[in-house]
Amino acid sequence: MTALICGSVAFDTIMRFPDRFREHILSDRVEVISVCFTAPEMRREFGGCAGNVAYTLKLLGGDPLPMATVGHDFTPYASWMDHNRIERRLVTEVDAFTAQAFITTDAEGNQITTFHPGAMDHAHVNSVGDAGAGVRIGIVTPDGRHAMVRHAAQFAERGIPFIFDPGQQLHLFGAEELARFLDEATWLAVNAYEWSQLRERSGLDADEIVNRVEAAIVTRGAEGSSVLVRGREAIDVPAVAVPRAVDPTGCGDAYRAGLLLGLEAGCDWETTGRIASLAGAVKVAHPGCQNHRFGPEGFAARFREAFGYSF
């Protein structure tokens, strides 16, 4: 079953600040903030939500089809996708830079990100219909504003179930647009901060949001996640412990790849959430968004070890 993954493909420049941001920001002077964080560690990685979700879903044995717009500097990323046998027939090149994220993480895991959308702002030139008849599930991840509106509507028009994952683009939409997204989507995936932001911006309370979708998944990092299903008690999904959390960047995307796998396989929500939780945990133990490696069999064995049963 092909999963159509709408979102960004980006280069990530990831830096680590060995101290704590809060020690260098004067809380009573934020209106004139001017700070510089010296980061002795820096890496350049392949990223972007569509690229990251597709990468992990491929490792899990899924069939990802990312749909994105990229720029004239895309060549090394294209080679990487080919090396990992990730289909890129719906990755469209435009006259711009590929999206770029500059991410600084401090000693407490807090992050400050500057993002240049570049080619991503042209993503509305792509259409869900371009994917053909094999798509059975999809996801709308953070992307150009017009693309997110267009692709969600196209999924709904074609009757293709999809996850709505607004992420850091949530602030671009008002109450009416967010309500429409929720009515079009089959499932919602947000982190805890976005869950609060969504309720504030939409004017809807938790029950009203859950009643518009089949399930809302809320992630809370090391505290695990919750699946809120219409008419049921919240399903609490435990986080999977890792010996050392190396880099949180991209964990949410790995989690969403796990959601897609569980949904494609028809697993119950308890199991789907645990697949997603383990995928996120595997990623957090590695730097960058696409440096973790495993195969479906190895992942299944780790799932049995973590949860005591097979999916």
C-alpha atoms as a PDB file:
ATOM      1  CA  MET A   1       0.000   0.000   0.000  1.00  0.00           C
ATOM      2  CA  THR A   2       1.506   3.326  -1.073  1.00  0.00           C
ATOM      3  CA  ALA A   3       1.535   6.169   1.456  1.00  0.00           C
ATOM      4  CA  LEU A   4       1.560   9.622  -0.129  1.00  0.00           C
ATOM      5  CA  ILE A   5       3.620  11.961   2.058  1.00  0.00           C
ATOM      6  CA  CYS A   6       3.027  15.659   1.370  1.00  0.00           C
ATOM      7  CA  GLY A   7       5.493  18.071   2.919  1.00  0.00           C
ATOM      8  CA  SER A   8       8.924  19.600   2.779  1.00  0.00           C
ATOM      9  CA  VAL A   9      12.257  18.266   1.647  1.00  0.00           C
ATOM     10  CA  ALA A  10      14.994  20.345   3.246  1.00  0.00           C
ATOM     11  CA  PHE A  11      18.634  20.579   4.174  1.00  0.00           C
ATOM     12  CA  ASP A  12      19.163  20.801   7.948  1.00  0.00           C
ATOM     13  CA  THR A  13      22.145  22.575   9.447  1.00  0.00           C
ATOM     14  CA  ILE A  14      22.201  21.277  13.013  1.00  0.00           C
ATOM     15  CA  MET A  15      24.274  22.925  15.729  1.00  0.00           C
ATOM     16  CA  ARG A  16      24.708  22.050  19.391  1.00  0.00           C
ATOM     17  CA  PHE A  17      25.049  24.777  22.028  1.00  0.00           C
ATOM     18  CA  PRO A  18      26.762  23.225  25.086  1.00  0.00           C
ATOM     19  CA  ASP A  19      25.095  25.549  27.584  1.00  0.00           C
ATOM     20  CA  ARG A  20      21.440  26.421  28.348  1.00  0.00           C
ATOM     21  CA  PHE A  21      19.591  29.075  26.349  1.00  0.00           C
ATOM     22  CA  ARG A  22      17.845  30.348  29.469  1.00  0.00           C
ATOM     23  CA  GLU A  23      21.166  31.335  31.009  1.00  0.00           C
ATOM     24  CA  HIS A  24      21.780  33.771  28.147  1.00  0.00           C
ATOM     25  CA  ILE A  25      18.345  35.327  27.616  1.00  0.00           C
ATOM     26  CA  LEU A  26      17.245  38.109  29.947  1.00  0.00           C
ATOM     27  CA  SER A  27      13.578  37.439  30.580  1.00  0.00           C
ATOM     28  CA  ASP A  28      12.904  41.102  31.400  1.00  0.00           C
ATOM     29  CA  ARG A  29      14.526  42.364  28.173  1.00  0.00           C
ATOM     30  CA  VAL A  30      13.044  40.084  25.496  1.00  0.00           C
ATOM     31  CA  GLU A  31      11.617  43.111  23.658  1.00  0.00           C
ATOM     32  CA  VAL A  32      15.194  44.045  22.648  1.00  0.00           C
ATOM     33  CA  ILE A  33      16.677  40.562  22.397  1.00  0.00           C
ATOM     34  CA  SER A  34      20.070  40.300  20.709  1.00  0.00           C
ATOM     35  CA  VAL A  35      21.974  37.105  21.458  1.00  0.00           C
ATOM     36  CA  CYS A  36      24.613  34.950  19.850  1.00  0.00           C
ATOM     37  CA  PHE A  37      25.027  31.285  20.731  1.00  0.00           C
ATOM     38  CA  THR A  38      28.450  29.850  19.891  1.00  0.00           C
ATOM     39  CA  ALA A  39      27.979  26.284  18.708  1.00  0.00           C
ATOM     40  CA  PRO A  40      31.234  24.325  18.375  1.00  0.00           C
ATOM     41  CA  GLU A  41      29.435  21.333  16.830  1.00  0.00           C
ATOM     42  CA  MET A  42      27.732  21.549  13.426  1.00  0.00           C
ATOM     43  CA  ARG A  43      26.430  19.025  10.912  1.00  0.00           C
ATOM     44  CA  ARG A  44      24.636  19.321   7.597  1.00  0.00           C
ATOM     45  CA  GLU A  45      21.906  16.726   7.214  1.00  0.00           C
ATOM     46  CA  PHE A  46      19.093  15.664   4.924  1.00  0.00           C
ATOM     47  CA  GLY A  47      15.730  16.622   6.396  1.00  0.00           C
ATOM     48  CA  GLY A  48      12.308  18.134   5.794  1.00  0.00           C
ATOM     49  CA  CYS A  49       9.141  16.496   7.084  1.00  0.00           C
ATOM     50  CA  ALA A  50       8.281  14.601   3.892  1.00  0.00           C
ATOM     51  CA  GLY A  51      11.843  13.405   3.469  1.00  0.00           C
ATOM     52  CA  ASN A  52      12.118  12.308   7.094  1.00  0.00           C
ATOM     53  CA  VAL A  53       8.778  10.483   7.228  1.00  0.00           C
ATOM     54  CA  ALA A  54       9.533   8.735   3.930  1.00  0.00           C
ATOM     55  CA  TYR A  55      12.982   7.657   5.127  1.00  0.00           C
ATOM     56  CA  THR A  56      11.742   5.980   8.320  1.00  0.00           C
ATOM     57  CA  LEU A  57       8.685   4.463   6.653  1.00  0.00           C
ATOM     58  CA  LYS A  58      10.982   2.874   4.067  1.00  0.00           C
ATOM     59  CA  LEU A  59      13.111   1.373   6.853  1.00  0.00           C
ATOM     60  CA  LEU A  60       9.939  -0.017   8.423  1.00  0.00           C
ATOM     61  CA  GLY A  61       9.117  -1.821   5.189  1.00  0.00           C
ATOM     62  CA  GLY A  62       6.461   0.612   3.997  1.00  0.00           C
ATOM     63  CA  ASP A  63       6.012   2.082   0.534  1.00  0.00           C
ATOM     64  CA  PRO A  64       6.446   5.861   0.893  1.00  0.00           C
ATOM     65  CA  LEU A  65       5.830   8.284  -1.958  1.00  0.00           C
ATOM     66  CA  PRO A  66       7.013  11.765  -0.944  1.00  0.00           C
ATOM     67  CA  MET A  67       5.539  14.771  -2.763  1.00  0.00           C
ATOM     68  CA  ALA A  68       7.505  18.010  -2.467  1.00  0.00           C
ATOM     69  CA  THR A  69       9.169  20.868  -4.320  1.00  0.00           C
ATOM     70  CA  VAL A  70      12.950  21.323  -4.247  1.00  0.00           C
ATOM     71  CA  GLY A  71      15.470  23.734  -5.693  1.00  0.00           C
ATOM     72  CA  HIS A  72      18.466  23.788  -8.000  1.00  0.00           C
ATOM     73  CA  ASP A  73      20.745  22.615  -5.155  1.00  0.00           C
ATOM     74  CA  PHE A  74      18.858  19.331  -4.711  1.00  0.00           C
ATOM     75  CA  THR A  75      21.413  17.009  -6.379  1.00  0.00           C
ATOM     76  CA  PRO A  76      23.067  15.524  -3.246  1.00  0.00           C
ATOM     77  CA  TYR A  77      19.663  14.905  -1.659  1.00  0.00           C
ATOM     78  CA  ALA A  78      18.444  13.220  -4.863  1.00  0.00           C
ATOM     79  CA  SER A  79      21.425  10.859  -4.720  1.00  0.00           C
ATOM     80  CA  TRP A  80      20.637  10.093  -1.078  1.00  0.00           C
ATOM     81  CA  MET A  81      17.010   9.258  -1.889  1.00  0.00           C
ATOM     82  CA  ASP A  82      18.114   7.018  -4.756  1.00  0.00           C
ATOM     83  CA  HIS A  83      20.616   5.281  -2.484  1.00  0.00           C
ATOM     84  CA  ASN A  84      17.802   4.514  -0.027  1.00  0.00           C
ATOM     85  CA  ARG A  85      15.407   3.501  -2.828  1.00  0.00           C
ATOM     86  CA  ILE A  86      12.895   6.201  -2.005  1.00  0.00           C
ATOM     87  CA  GLU A  87      10.678   7.078  -4.961  1.00  0.00           C
ATOM     88  CA  ARG A  88      11.033  10.724  -6.076  1.00  0.00           C
ATOM     89  CA  ARG A  89       8.845  10.975  -9.158  1.00  0.00           C
ATOM     90  CA  LEU A  90       6.666  13.517  -7.310  1.00  0.00           C
ATOM     91  CA  VAL A  91       9.610  15.620  -6.139  1.00  0.00           C
ATOM     92  CA  THR A  92       9.436  18.680  -8.395  1.00  0.00           C
ATOM     93  CA  GLU A  93      12.387  21.017  -8.992  1.00  0.00           C
ATOM     94  CA  VAL A  94      11.719  24.771  -9.179  1.00  0.00           C
ATOM     95  CA  ASP A  95      13.973  27.817  -9.578  1.00  0.00           C
ATOM     96  CA  ALA A  96      14.800  28.470  -5.921  1.00  0.00           C
ATOM     97  CA  PHE A  97      16.902  27.100  -3.095  1.00  0.00           C
ATOM     98  CA  THR A  98      15.727  23.880  -1.507  1.00  0.00           C
ATOM     99  CA  ALA A  99      14.200  24.635   1.904  1.00  0.00           C
ATOM    100  CA  GLN A 100      16.828  25.146   4.618  1.00  0.00           C
ATOM    101  CA  ALA A 101      16.524  24.724   8.391  1.00  0.00           C
ATOM    102  CA  PHE A 102      19.142  26.037  10.818  1.00  0.00           C
ATOM    103  CA  ILE A 103      18.592  24.292  14.163  1.00  0.00           C
ATOM    104  CA  THR A 104      20.436  24.954  17.412  1.00  0.00           C
ATOM    105  CA  THR A 105      19.880  22.602  20.363  1.00  0.00           C
ATOM    106  CA  ASP A 106      21.009  23.468  23.885  1.00  0.00           C
ATOM    107  CA  ALA A 107      22.156  21.230  26.745  1.00  0.00           C
ATOM    108  CA  GLU A 108      18.550  20.748  27.918  1.00  0.00           C
ATOM    109  CA  GLY A 109      17.218  19.682  24.514  1.00  0.00           C
ATOM    110  CA  ASN A 110      15.556  23.035  23.780  1.00  0.00           C
ATOM    111  CA  GLN A 111      15.741  24.152  20.162  1.00  0.00           C
ATOM    112  CA  ILE A 112      15.839  27.437  18.273  1.00  0.00           C
ATOM    113  CA  THR A 113      15.211  27.096  14.542  1.00  0.00           C
ATOM    114  CA  THR A 114      15.416  29.498  11.629  1.00  0.00           C
ATOM    115  CA  PHE A 115      13.747  28.178   8.486  1.00  0.00           C
ATOM    116  CA  HIS A 116      13.998  29.409   4.893  1.00  0.00           C
ATOM    117  CA  PRO A 117      11.103  27.868   2.903  1.00  0.00           C
ATOM    118  CA  GLY A 118      12.578  28.479  -0.546  1.00  0.00           C
ATOM    119  CA  ALA A 119      11.195  25.915  -2.982  1.00  0.00           C
ATOM    120  CA  MET A 120       8.675  24.710  -0.398  1.00  0.00           C
ATOM    121  CA  ASP A 121       6.533  27.767  -1.050  1.00  0.00           C
ATOM    122  CA  HIS A 122       5.877  26.408  -4.545  1.00  0.00           C
ATOM    123  CA  ALA A 123       4.566  23.036  -3.322  1.00  0.00           C
ATOM    124  CA  HIS A 124       1.014  23.841  -4.429  1.00  0.00           C
ATOM    125  CA  VAL A 125       2.107  23.095  -8.038  1.00  0.00           C
ATOM    126  CA  ASN A 126       1.957  19.418  -7.074  1.00  0.00           C
ATOM    127  CA  SER A 127      -1.339  17.542  -6.939  1.00  0.00           C
ATOM    128  CA  VAL A 128      -2.479  14.455  -5.047  1.00  0.00           C
ATOM    129  CA  GLY A 129      -3.912  13.225  -8.333  1.00  0.00           C
ATOM    130  CA  ASP A 130      -0.391  13.034  -9.779  1.00  0.00           C
ATOM    131  CA  ALA A 131       0.309  10.041  -7.546  1.00  0.00           C
ATOM    132  CA  GLY A 132      -2.013   7.741  -9.475  1.00  0.00           C
ATOM    133  CA  ALA A 133      -4.389   5.071  -8.272  1.00  0.00           C
ATOM    134  CA  GLY A 134      -2.124   3.151  -5.884  1.00  0.00           C
ATOM    135  CA  VAL A 135      -2.336   5.538  -2.937  1.00  0.00           C
ATOM    136  CA  ARG A 136      -4.400   4.201  -0.039  1.00  0.00           C
ATOM    137  CA  ILE A 137      -3.279   6.484   2.796  1.00  0.00           C
ATOM    138  CA  GLY A 138      -1.633   9.880   3.115  1.00  0.00           C
ATOM    139  CA  ILE A 139      -0.319  12.584   5.380  1.00  0.00           C
ATOM    140  CA  VAL A 140      -0.215  16.370   5.110  1.00  0.00           C
ATOM    141  CA  THR A 141       2.864  17.532   7.000  1.00  0.00           C
ATOM    142  CA  PRO A 142       4.206  21.113   7.314  1.00  0.00           C
ATOM    143  CA  ASP A 143       4.571  22.564   3.823  1.00  0.00           C
ATOM    144  CA  GLY A 144       3.750  25.736   1.920  1.00  0.00           C
ATOM    145  CA  ARG A 145       0.497  27.249   3.153  1.00  0.00           C
ATOM    146  CA  HIS A 146      -1.378  26.930  -0.143  1.00  0.00           C
ATOM    147  CA  ALA A 147      -0.065  23.398  -0.642  1.00  0.00           C
ATOM    148  CA  MET A 148      -1.380  22.221   2.723  1.00  0.00           C
ATOM    149  CA  VAL A 149      -4.838  23.625   1.972  1.00  0.00           C
ATOM    150  CA  ARG A 150      -4.857  22.182  -1.533  1.00  0.00           C
ATOM    151  CA  HIS A 151      -3.534  18.726  -0.702  1.00  0.00           C
ATOM    152  CA  ALA A 152      -5.852  18.208   2.279  1.00  0.00           C
ATOM    153  CA  ALA A 153      -8.832  19.088   0.086  1.00  0.00           C
ATOM    154  CA  GLN A 154      -7.607  16.747  -2.653  1.00  0.00           C
ATOM    155  CA  PHE A 155      -7.201  13.834  -0.253  1.00  0.00           C
ATOM    156  CA  ALA A 156     -10.750  14.433   1.002  1.00  0.00           C
ATOM    157  CA  GLU A 157     -12.189  14.741  -2.512  1.00  0.00           C
ATOM    158  CA  ARG A 158     -10.637  11.407  -3.479  1.00  0.00           C
ATOM    159  CA  GLY A 159     -11.741   9.647  -0.297  1.00  0.00           C
ATOM    160  CA  ILE A 160      -8.131   8.876   0.709  1.00  0.00           C
ATOM    161  CA  PRO A 161      -7.743   8.727   4.508  1.00  0.00           C
ATOM    162  CA  PHE A 162      -4.958  10.987   5.746  1.00  0.00           C
ATOM    163  CA  ILE A 163      -3.226  12.365   8.816  1.00  0.00           C
ATOM    164  CA  PHE A 164      -3.253  16.133   9.271  1.00  0.00           C
ATOM    165  CA  ASP A 165       0.047  17.181  10.875  1.00  0.00           C
ATOM    166  CA  PRO A 166       0.217  21.004  10.903  1.00  0.00           C
ATOM    167  CA  GLY A 167       3.407  21.186  12.974  1.00  0.00           C
ATOM    168  CA  GLN A 168       5.239  24.484  12.925  1.00  0.00           C
ATOM    169  CA  GLN A 169       2.945  25.787  10.181  1.00  0.00           C
ATOM    170  CA  LEU A 170      -0.111  25.768  12.440  1.00  0.00           C
ATOM    171  CA  HIS A 171       0.211  29.503  13.068  1.00  0.00           C
ATOM    172  CA  LEU A 172      -0.506  30.200   9.381  1.00  0.00           C
ATOM    173  CA  PHE A 173      -4.159  29.193   9.695  1.00  0.00           C
ATOM    174  CA  GLY A 174      -7.173  30.791  11.315  1.00  0.00           C
ATOM    175  CA  ALA A 175     -10.130  29.182  13.043  1.00  0.00           C
ATOM    176  CA  GLU A 176     -12.193  28.590   9.898  1.00  0.00           C
ATOM    177  CA  GLU A 177      -9.330  26.965   8.003  1.00  0.00           C
ATOM    178  CA  LEU A 178      -8.360  24.760  10.943  1.00  0.00           C
ATOM    179  CA  ALA A 179     -11.956  23.571  11.323  1.00  0.00           C
ATOM    180  CA  ARG A 180     -12.000  22.695   7.622  1.00  0.00           C
ATOM    181  CA  PHE A 181      -8.730  20.751   7.930  1.00  0.00           C
ATOM    182  CA  LEU A 182     -10.180  18.758  10.830  1.00  0.00           C
ATOM    183  CA  ASP A 183     -13.349  17.975   8.880  1.00  0.00           C
ATOM    184  CA  GLU A 184     -11.315  16.814   5.874  1.00  0.00           C
ATOM    185  CA  ALA A 185      -8.731  14.790   7.785  1.00  0.00           C
ATOM    186  CA  THR A 186      -9.154  11.269   9.105  1.00  0.00           C
ATOM    187  CA  TRP A 187      -6.603  11.639  11.899  1.00  0.00           C
ATOM    188  CA  LEU A 188      -4.753  14.496  13.601  1.00  0.00           C
ATOM    189  CA  ALA A 189      -1.148  14.359  14.865  1.00  0.00           C
ATOM    190  CA  VAL A 190       0.354  17.155  16.992  1.00  0.00           C
ATOM    191  CA  ASN A 191       2.791  17.582  19.844  1.00  0.00           C
ATOM    192  CA  ALA A 192       1.681  18.879  23.237  1.00  0.00           C
ATOM    193  CA  TYR A 193       2.466  22.510  22.454  1.00  0.00           C
ATOM    194  CA  GLU A 194       0.677  22.330  19.097  1.00  0.00           C
ATOM    195  CA  TRP A 195      -2.310  20.695  20.799  1.00  0.00           C
ATOM    196  CA  SER A 196      -2.660  23.748  23.036  1.00  0.00           C
ATOM    197  CA  GLN A 197      -2.051  26.108  20.132  1.00  0.00           C
ATOM    198  CA  LEU A 198      -4.625  24.330  17.977  1.00  0.00           C
ATOM    199  CA  ARG A 199      -7.320  24.682  20.636  1.00  0.00           C
ATOM    200  CA  GLU A 200      -6.512  28.348  21.100  1.00  0.00           C
ATOM    201  CA  ARG A 201      -6.425  29.227  17.392  1.00  0.00           C
ATOM    202  CA  SER A 202      -9.436  27.120  16.386  1.00  0.00           C
ATOM    203  CA  GLY A 203     -11.649  28.093  19.332  1.00  0.00           C
ATOM    204  CA  LEU A 204     -12.502  24.403  19.735  1.00  0.00           C
ATOM    205  CA  ASP A 205     -12.085  22.428  22.932  1.00  0.00           C
ATOM    206  CA  ALA A 206     -10.507  18.963  23.062  1.00  0.00           C
ATOM    207  CA  ASP A 207     -13.803  17.085  22.695  1.00  0.00           C
ATOM    208  CA  GLU A 208     -14.873  19.209  19.750  1.00  0.00           C
ATOM    209  CA  ILE A 209     -11.598  18.522  17.965  1.00  0.00           C
ATOM    210  CA  VAL A 210     -11.704  14.785  18.633  1.00  0.00           C
ATOM    211  CA  ASN A 211     -15.299  14.624  17.400  1.00  0.00           C
ATOM    212  CA  ARG A 212     -14.212  15.983  14.015  1.00  0.00           C
ATOM    213  CA  VAL A 213     -11.619  13.247  13.370  1.00  0.00           C
ATOM    214  CA  GLU A 214     -11.389   9.524  14.021  1.00  0.00           C
ATOM    215  CA  ALA A 215      -8.465  10.050  16.401  1.00  0.00           C
ATOM    216  CA  ALA A 216      -6.125  12.783  17.612  1.00  0.00           C
ATOM    217  CA  ILE A 217      -2.583  11.749  18.515  1.00  0.00           C
ATOM    218  CA  VAL A 218      -0.718  14.021  20.937  1.00  0.00           C
ATOM    219  CA  THR A 219       2.993  13.416  21.524  1.00  0.00           C
ATOM    220  CA  ARG A 220       4.819  14.500  24.680  1.00  0.00           C
ATOM    221  CA  GLY A 221       8.435  13.506  24.075  1.00  0.00           C
ATOM    222  CA  ALA A 222       9.933  11.457  26.891  1.00  0.00           C
ATOM    223  CA  GLU A 223       6.531  11.431  28.638  1.00  0.00           C
ATOM    224  CA  GLY A 224       5.034   9.315  25.873  1.00  0.00           C
ATOM    225  CA  SER A 225       1.941  10.108  23.852  1.00  0.00           C
ATOM    226  CA  SER A 226      -1.826   9.837  23.937  1.00  0.00           C
ATOM    227  CA  VAL A 227      -4.360   8.710  21.365  1.00  0.00           C
ATOM    228  CA  LEU A 228      -7.690  10.439  21.786  1.00  0.00           C
ATOM    229  CA  VAL A 229     -10.407   8.454  20.068  1.00  0.00           C
ATOM    230  CA  ARG A 230     -13.984   9.571  19.689  1.00  0.00           C
ATOM    231  CA  GLY A 231     -16.154   7.906  22.337  1.00  0.00           C
ATOM    232  CA  ARG A 232     -13.257   6.242  24.209  1.00  0.00           C
ATOM    233  CA  GLU A 233     -10.981   6.933  27.136  1.00  0.00           C
ATOM    234  CA  ALA A 234      -7.589   8.324  26.167  1.00  0.00           C
ATOM    235  CA  ILE A 235      -5.083   5.640  25.209  1.00  0.00           C
ATOM    236  CA  ASP A 236      -1.750   6.364  26.883  1.00  0.00           C
ATOM    237  CA  VAL A 237       1.269   5.166  24.922  1.00  0.00           C
ATOM    238  CA  PRO A 238       4.530   4.800  26.852  1.00  0.00           C
ATOM    239  CA  ALA A 239       7.767   6.265  25.579  1.00  0.00           C
ATOM    240  CA  VAL A 240      10.498   3.727  24.848  1.00  0.00           C
ATOM    241  CA  ALA A 241      13.618   4.315  26.929  1.00  0.00           C
ATOM    242  CA  VAL A 242      16.921   4.749  25.125  1.00  0.00           C
ATOM    243  CA  PRO A 243      20.400   4.504  26.680  1.00  0.00           C
ATOM    244  CA  ARG A 244      21.163   8.070  25.570  1.00  0.00           C
ATOM    245  CA  ALA A 245      19.024  10.651  23.811  1.00  0.00           C
ATOM    246  CA  VAL A 246      21.401  12.112  21.234  1.00  0.00           C
ATOM    247  CA  ASP A 247      19.244  14.427  19.110  1.00  0.00           C
ATOM    248  CA  PRO A 248      15.476  15.101  19.216  1.00  0.00           C
ATOM    249  CA  THR A 249      15.444  16.579  15.695  1.00  0.00           C
ATOM    250  CA  GLY A 250      13.143  14.523  13.467  1.00  0.00           C
ATOM    251  CA  CYS A 251      11.702  12.314  16.215  1.00  0.00           C
ATOM    252  CA  GLY A 252       8.191  13.533  15.470  1.00  0.00           C
ATOM    253  CA  ASP A 253       8.601  12.589  11.812  1.00  0.00           C
ATOM    254  CA  ALA A 254       9.831   9.102  12.737  1.00  0.00           C
ATOM    255  CA  TYR A 255       6.824   8.776  15.052  1.00  0.00           C
ATOM    256  CA  ARG A 256       4.488   9.690  12.187  1.00  0.00           C
ATOM    257  CA  ALA A 257       6.104   7.071   9.964  1.00  0.00           C
ATOM    258  CA  GLY A 258       5.238   4.542  12.653  1.00  0.00           C
ATOM    259  CA  LEU A 259       1.654   5.788  12.699  1.00  0.00           C
ATOM    260  CA  LEU A 260       1.397   5.293   8.943  1.00  0.00           C
ATOM    261  CA  LEU A 261       2.773   1.757   9.203  1.00  0.00           C
ATOM    262  CA  GLY A 262       0.357   0.780  11.963  1.00  0.00           C
ATOM    263  CA  LEU A 263      -2.615   2.314  10.166  1.00  0.00           C
ATOM    264  CA  GLU A 264      -1.670   0.636   6.889  1.00  0.00           C
ATOM    265  CA  ALA A 265      -1.393  -2.700   8.679  1.00  0.00           C
ATOM    266  CA  GLY A 266      -4.776  -2.293  10.384  1.00  0.00           C
ATOM    267  CA  CYS A 267      -3.315  -2.473  13.897  1.00  0.00           C
ATOM    268  CA  ASP A 268      -5.323  -1.308  16.896  1.00  0.00           C
ATOM    269  CA  TRP A 269      -4.480   2.075  18.411  1.00  0.00           C
ATOM    270  CA  GLU A 270      -2.498   0.641  21.305  1.00  0.00           C
ATOM    271  CA  THR A 271      -0.187  -1.169  18.892  1.00  0.00           C
ATOM    272  CA  THR A 272      -0.066   1.627  16.325  1.00  0.00           C
ATOM    273  CA  GLY A 273       0.971   4.081  19.033  1.00  0.00           C
ATOM    274  CA  ARG A 274       3.672   1.730  20.265  1.00  0.00           C
ATOM    275  CA  ILE A 275       5.081   1.224  16.762  1.00  0.00           C
ATOM    276  CA  ALA A 276       5.259   5.007  16.449  1.00  0.00           C
ATOM    277  CA  SER A 277       6.796   5.402  19.908  1.00  0.00           C
ATOM    278  CA  LEU A 278       9.535   2.884  19.155  1.00  0.00           C
ATOM    279  CA  ALA A 279      10.289   4.493  15.782  1.00  0.00           C
ATOM    280  CA  GLY A 280      10.745   7.840  17.514  1.00  0.00           C
ATOM    281  CA  ALA A 281      12.968   6.274  20.183  1.00  0.00           C
ATOM    282  CA  VAL A 282      15.223   4.647  17.603  1.00  0.00           C
ATOM    283  CA  LYS A 283      15.663   8.007  15.913  1.00  0.00           C
ATOM    284  CA  VAL A 284      16.438   9.980  19.100  1.00  0.00           C
ATOM    285  CA  ALA A 285      19.473   7.763  19.705  1.00  0.00           C
ATOM    286  CA  HIS A 286      21.067   9.059  16.486  1.00  0.00           C
ATOM    287  CA  PRO A 287      22.123  12.519  15.300  1.00  0.00           C
ATOM    288  CA  GLY A 288      20.196  14.154  12.467  1.00  0.00           C
ATOM    289  CA  CYS A 289      16.927  13.008  10.934  1.00  0.00           C
ATOM    290  CA  GLN A 290      18.049  10.269   8.550  1.00  0.00           C
ATOM    291  CA  ASN A 291      21.036   8.512  10.131  1.00  0.00           C
ATOM    292  CA  HIS A 292      19.233   5.727  11.997  1.00  0.00           C
ATOM    293  CA  ARG A 293      19.299   2.341  10.291  1.00  0.00           C
ATOM    294  CA  PHE A 294      17.245  -0.823  10.783  1.00  0.00           C
ATOM    295  CA  GLY A 295      15.242  -3.319   8.780  1.00  0.00           C
ATOM    296  CA  PRO A 296      11.656  -4.511   9.283  1.00  0.00           C
ATOM    297  CA  GLU A 297      12.784  -7.718  10.984  1.00  0.00           C
ATOM    298  CA  GLY A 298      15.110  -5.936  13.371  1.00  0.00           C
ATOM    299  CA  PHE A 299      12.428  -3.410  14.229  1.00  0.00           C
ATOM    300  CA  ALA A 300       9.908  -6.196  14.874  1.00  0.00           C
ATOM    301  CA  ALA A 301      12.382  -7.856  17.240  1.00  0.00           C
ATOM    302  CA  ARG A 302      12.904  -4.582  19.126  1.00  0.00           C
ATOM    303  CA  PHE A 303       9.136  -4.179  19.378  1.00  0.00           C
ATOM    304  CA  ARG A 304       8.789  -7.650  20.940  1.00  0.00           C
ATOM    305  CA  GLU A 305      11.578  -6.850  23.388  1.00  0.00           C
ATOM    306  CA  ALA A 306      10.032  -3.511  24.353  1.00  0.00           C
ATOM    307  CA  PHE A 307       6.369  -4.534  24.599  1.00  0.00           C
ATOM    308  CA  GLY A 308       6.287  -8.316  24.989  1.00  0.00           C
ATOM    309  CA  TYR A 309       4.262  -9.153  21.886  1.00  0.00           C
ATOM    310  CA  SER A 310       4.442  -8.968  18.080  1.00  0.00           C
ATOM    311  CA  PHE A 311       2.498  -6.623  15.831  1.00  0.00           C
END
